[in-house]
Structures are given as structure tokens and as C-alpha cells.
Amino acid sequence: MTEPRIIRGTEPWAGLETRALAIDWGMRTTCYVKDCEEPISTIIRGEHHYALCEAHYQQGNVPGGTTLSIVL
């Protein structure tokens, strides 16, 4: 299993850079959490690649993390 890598856009273009990269890699540009249609701000690259909106990234970016229902 590969070590996950987190790719986040930088200000002031945060979401635009990440969405452009997702398009280039053939990924969708909306959050991969079930029933979320927000634009992505973060790409997680590991065994599976997926992307999160800012709210879901922040939800999981805490000590102990969280559980998210990801749709690949």
C-alpha cells in the first residue's frame, strides 16, 4: 500500500488549481463524499485517488480523523 499524498490548492486560486489537476488526471471535480456536490479543494492520492471539498477535508483533518462515505 502506498503512503497517501495530499494535494491542496494554494491561495488565492485554491480550488481552481486542484480542479484543473483533477480534470487532467481524469477525476471528477466535485467532492467524492456521498451526496456532496461541492467543488473540490483537496486530492488524496494513495491506493485509490479521491478528492474532497474544503468542508470534508477540514472534518477529517483533526486528531483521530473521521469517517466519511467515499464514492469512487
Protein backbone atom coordinates (compact mmCIF):
# COMPACT_ATOMS: atom_id res chain seq x y z
CA MET A 1 0.00 0.00 0.00
CA THR A 2 1.34 3.42 -0.89
CA GLU A 3 1.64 6.30 1.55
CA PRO A 4 -1.25 8.74 0.92
CA ARG A 5 -0.29 12.10 -0.51
CA ILE A 6 -2.38 15.19 -0.01
CA ILE A 7 -2.50 17.78 -2.78
CA ARG A 8 -4.12 21.07 -1.84
CA GLY A 9 -4.52 24.21 -3.88
CA THR A 10 -2.83 27.40 -2.73
CA GLU A 11 -4.42 30.78 -2.14
CA PRO A 12 -5.90 32.68 -3.89
CA TRP A 13 -6.61 30.02 -6.53
CA ALA A 14 -7.04 27.08 -4.15
CA GLY A 15 -9.91 25.22 -5.79
CA LEU A 16 -9.07 26.18 -9.37
CA GLU A 17 -5.61 24.59 -9.32
CA THR A 18 -6.90 21.41 -7.73
CA ARG A 19 -9.86 21.12 -10.10
CA ALA A 20 -7.57 21.63 -13.12
CA LEU A 21 -5.30 18.84 -11.87
CA ALA A 22 -8.32 16.57 -11.30
CA ILE A 23 -9.50 17.17 -14.88
CA ASP A 24 -6.02 16.39 -16.18
CA TRP A 25 -5.99 13.10 -14.23
CA GLY A 26 -9.50 12.13 -15.38
CA MET A 27 -11.08 12.66 -11.96
CA ARG A 28 -14.35 14.43 -11.30
CA THR A 29 -14.26 17.93 -9.83
CA THR A 30 -16.91 17.54 -7.14
CA CYS A 31 -16.41 16.05 -3.69
CA TYR A 32 -16.20 12.24 -3.53
CA VAL A 33 -18.21 12.10 -0.28
CA LYS A 34 -21.61 10.50 -0.86
CA ASP A 35 -24.32 13.08 -1.69
CA CYS A 36 -21.89 16.07 -1.68
CA GLU A 37 -21.71 18.17 -4.85
CA GLU A 38 -19.33 20.88 -3.60
CA PRO A 39 -16.23 21.69 -5.71
CA ILE A 40 -13.03 20.02 -4.58
CA SER A 41 -10.10 21.70 -2.84
CA THR A 42 -8.02 18.63 -2.00
CA ILE A 43 -6.89 15.48 -3.80
CA ILE A 44 -5.83 12.43 -1.78
CA ARG A 45 -3.53 10.09 -3.72
CA GLY A 46 -2.94 6.62 -2.37
CA GLU A 47 -4.16 3.16 -3.25
CA HIS A 48 -7.27 4.91 -4.58
CA HIS A 49 -7.36 8.55 -5.66
CA TYR A 50 -10.23 10.71 -4.49
CA ALA A 51 -10.98 14.37 -3.84
CA LEU A 52 -12.70 16.30 -1.08
CA CYS A 53 -14.35 19.69 -0.74
CA GLU A 54 -12.90 22.06 1.85
CA ALA A 55 -15.57 21.24 4.48
CA HIS A 56 -14.98 17.48 4.28
CA TYR A 57 -11.20 17.91 4.24
CA GLN A 58 -11.39 20.00 7.43
CA GLN A 59 -13.79 17.49 9.00
CA GLY A 60 -11.17 14.75 8.57
CA ASN A 61 -8.14 16.91 9.33
CA VAL A 62 -8.41 16.55 13.11
CA PRO A 63 -6.68 14.28 15.61
CA GLY A 64 -8.27 10.86 15.24
CA GLY A 65 -9.80 11.79 11.88
CA THR A 66 -13.39 10.99 10.97
CA THR A 67 -15.40 8.50 8.94
CA LEU A 68 -16.58 9.61 5.51
CA SER A 69 -18.63 7.65 2.98
CA ILE A 70 -16.46 7.96 -0.17
CA VAL A 71 -17.90 7.13 -3.60
CA LEU A 72 -15.13 6.24 -6.07
